[in-house]
Amino acid sequence: QDAGNAPEQREPAPAHGGRCATGPVTVDVTLTFVYPRWAPPPAVPARLRAQWHTILAGLRVHEDGHKDIVMKAAEEVQRTLEALPAASSCAELKQAASTAGHAVLERTRRRHDEYDATTRHGMTQGAHW
């Protein structure tokens, strides 16, 4: 997960009366999770194979929690940007959108940190030896 990347920004459009407004906002999210793979040799005991599958399942549960945080942040970005009032210039609106978006990203970073602290980076969800 990487909620710290700055989102792609499109220029706001001038609205009626020379003011600038966001209009409808679309937030696209692409997440890629890379999980460890293990091809155990035939001699590995079944108990160890089962433990590996349990750990991997716990890791997936943990990462799904991070995914949920990111998806909620995307919704928050959308709502926040759509709620911005029209500005006297597009530069002013762009600055307001940037400030609002970065505030959401900072709250999202804190949520990830709190989630990792609560789950002990997945240990409470089975992602440990």
Protein backbone atom coordinates (compact mmCIF):
# COMPACT_ATOMS: atom_id res chain seq x y z
CA GLN A 1 0.00 0.00 0.00
CA ASP A 2 1.13 3.49 -0.65
CA ALA A 3 -1.32 6.17 0.30
CA GLY A 4 1.45 8.72 0.32
CA ASN A 5 1.63 9.22 -3.44
CA ALA A 6 0.17 12.47 -4.64
CA PRO A 7 -2.98 11.89 -6.66
CA GLU A 8 -3.14 12.85 -10.32
CA GLN A 9 -4.67 16.28 -10.60
CA ARG A 10 -6.73 17.66 -13.43
CA GLU A 11 -7.12 21.37 -13.91
CA PRO A 12 -10.37 22.81 -12.50
CA ALA A 13 -12.71 24.26 -15.07
CA PRO A 14 -13.87 27.86 -15.12
CA ALA A 15 -17.49 28.02 -14.04
CA HIS A 16 -20.24 30.41 -14.94
CA GLY A 17 -19.53 33.99 -13.95
CA GLY A 18 -15.75 33.67 -14.19
CA ARG A 19 -15.49 31.59 -11.00
CA CYS A 20 -13.69 28.27 -10.94
CA ALA A 21 -15.28 25.07 -9.58
CA THR A 22 -14.28 21.43 -9.29
CA GLY A 23 -17.43 19.95 -10.81
CA PRO A 24 -17.87 16.19 -10.44
CA VAL A 25 -14.76 14.49 -9.05
CA THR A 26 -13.58 11.00 -9.88
CA VAL A 27 -10.94 9.30 -7.77
CA ASP A 28 -9.26 6.27 -9.32
CA VAL A 29 -7.40 3.88 -7.06
CA THR A 30 -4.99 1.16 -8.13
CA LEU A 31 -3.54 -1.05 -5.42
CA THR A 32 -0.98 -3.76 -5.94
CA PHE A 33 -0.09 -6.18 -3.19
CA VAL A 34 2.95 -8.39 -3.60
CA TYR A 35 2.86 -11.42 -1.36
CA PRO A 36 5.69 -13.82 -0.69
CA ARG A 37 5.66 -17.12 -2.54
CA TRP A 38 7.13 -20.34 -1.34
CA ALA A 39 7.49 -23.56 -3.26
CA PRO A 40 8.45 -25.97 -0.48
CA PRO A 41 10.51 -29.00 -1.39
CA PRO A 42 8.72 -32.33 -1.06
CA ALA A 43 10.50 -33.15 2.21
CA VAL A 44 8.99 -30.18 4.09
CA PRO A 45 6.65 -31.44 6.82
CA ALA A 46 2.91 -30.91 6.37
CA ARG A 47 2.83 -28.98 9.66
CA LEU A 48 5.25 -26.39 8.27
CA ARG A 49 3.28 -26.11 5.00
CA ALA A 50 0.09 -25.53 7.01
CA GLN A 51 1.81 -22.90 9.13
CA TRP A 52 2.94 -21.10 5.96
CA HIS A 53 -0.64 -21.02 4.63
CA THR A 54 -1.91 -19.70 7.97
CA ILE A 55 0.68 -16.92 8.00
CA LEU A 56 -0.08 -16.00 4.39
CA ALA A 57 -3.82 -15.88 5.15
CA GLY A 58 -3.12 -13.58 8.12
CA LEU A 59 -0.98 -11.35 5.94
CA ARG A 60 -3.81 -11.08 3.40
CA VAL A 61 -6.27 -10.15 6.15
CA HIS A 62 -3.87 -7.48 7.36
CA GLU A 63 -3.27 -6.01 3.91
CA ASP A 64 -7.03 -6.02 3.23
CA GLY A 65 -7.31 -3.72 6.24
CA HIS A 66 -4.87 -1.32 4.59
CA LYS A 67 -6.91 -1.57 1.38
CA ASP A 68 -10.05 -0.59 3.29
CA ILE A 69 -8.27 2.46 4.69
CA VAL A 70 -7.19 3.52 1.19
CA MET A 71 -10.66 3.05 -0.28
CA LYS A 72 -12.22 5.14 2.50
CA ALA A 73 -9.59 7.81 1.87
CA ALA A 74 -10.46 7.87 -1.84
CA GLU A 75 -14.12 8.43 -0.95
CA GLU A 76 -13.09 11.17 1.48
CA VAL A 77 -10.98 12.88 -1.19
CA GLN A 78 -13.91 12.79 -3.60
CA ARG A 79 -16.38 14.21 -1.07
CA THR A 80 -13.89 16.84 0.10
CA LEU A 81 -13.05 18.09 -3.38
CA GLU A 82 -16.65 18.12 -4.54
CA ALA A 83 -17.57 20.18 -1.47
CA LEU A 84 -15.04 22.92 -2.21
CA PRO A 85 -16.77 26.18 -3.02
CA ALA A 86 -16.14 27.88 -6.34
CA ALA A 87 -13.15 30.19 -6.21
CA SER A 88 -12.41 33.51 -7.88
CA SER A 89 -9.64 31.87 -9.90
CA CYS A 90 -8.65 28.36 -10.91
CA ALA A 91 -5.23 28.88 -9.29
CA GLU A 92 -6.98 29.65 -5.99
CA LEU A 93 -9.19 26.56 -6.33
CA LYS A 94 -6.20 24.38 -7.24
CA GLN A 95 -4.40 25.53 -4.07
CA ALA A 96 -7.50 24.86 -1.94
CA ALA A 97 -7.88 21.40 -3.52
CA SER A 98 -4.21 20.60 -2.95
CA THR A 99 -4.40 21.67 0.70
CA ALA A 100 -7.60 19.68 1.27
CA GLY A 101 -6.24 16.60 -0.52
CA HIS A 102 -2.98 16.64 1.43
CA ALA A 103 -4.95 16.89 4.69
CA VAL A 104 -6.84 13.72 3.72
CA LEU A 105 -3.55 11.98 2.87
CA GLU A 106 -2.07 12.95 6.23
CA ARG A 107 -5.12 11.59 8.09
CA THR A 108 -4.81 8.43 6.00
CA ARG A 109 -1.15 8.00 6.97
CA ARG A 110 -2.16 8.27 10.62
CA ARG A 111 -4.91 5.67 10.11
CA HIS A 112 -2.38 3.27 8.58
CA ASP A 113 -0.02 3.86 11.51
CA GLU A 114 -2.82 3.32 14.04
CA TYR A 115 -3.95 0.16 12.24
CA ASP A 116 -0.39 -1.21 12.24
CA ALA A 117 -0.01 -0.38 15.93
CA THR A 118 -3.35 -1.99 16.80
CA THR A 119 -2.63 -5.14 14.78
CA ARG A 120 1.08 -5.12 15.62
CA HIS A 121 1.75 -5.07 11.86
CA GLY A 122 -0.50 -8.08 11.33
CA MET A 123 0.71 -10.22 14.23
CA THR A 124 -2.72 -10.17 15.88
CA GLN A 125 -4.20 -11.31 12.56
CA GLY A 126 -1.96 -14.34 12.19
CA ALA A 127 0.80 -12.85 10.05
CA HIS A 128 3.71 -14.17 12.13
CA TRP A 129 5.77 -17.31 12.69
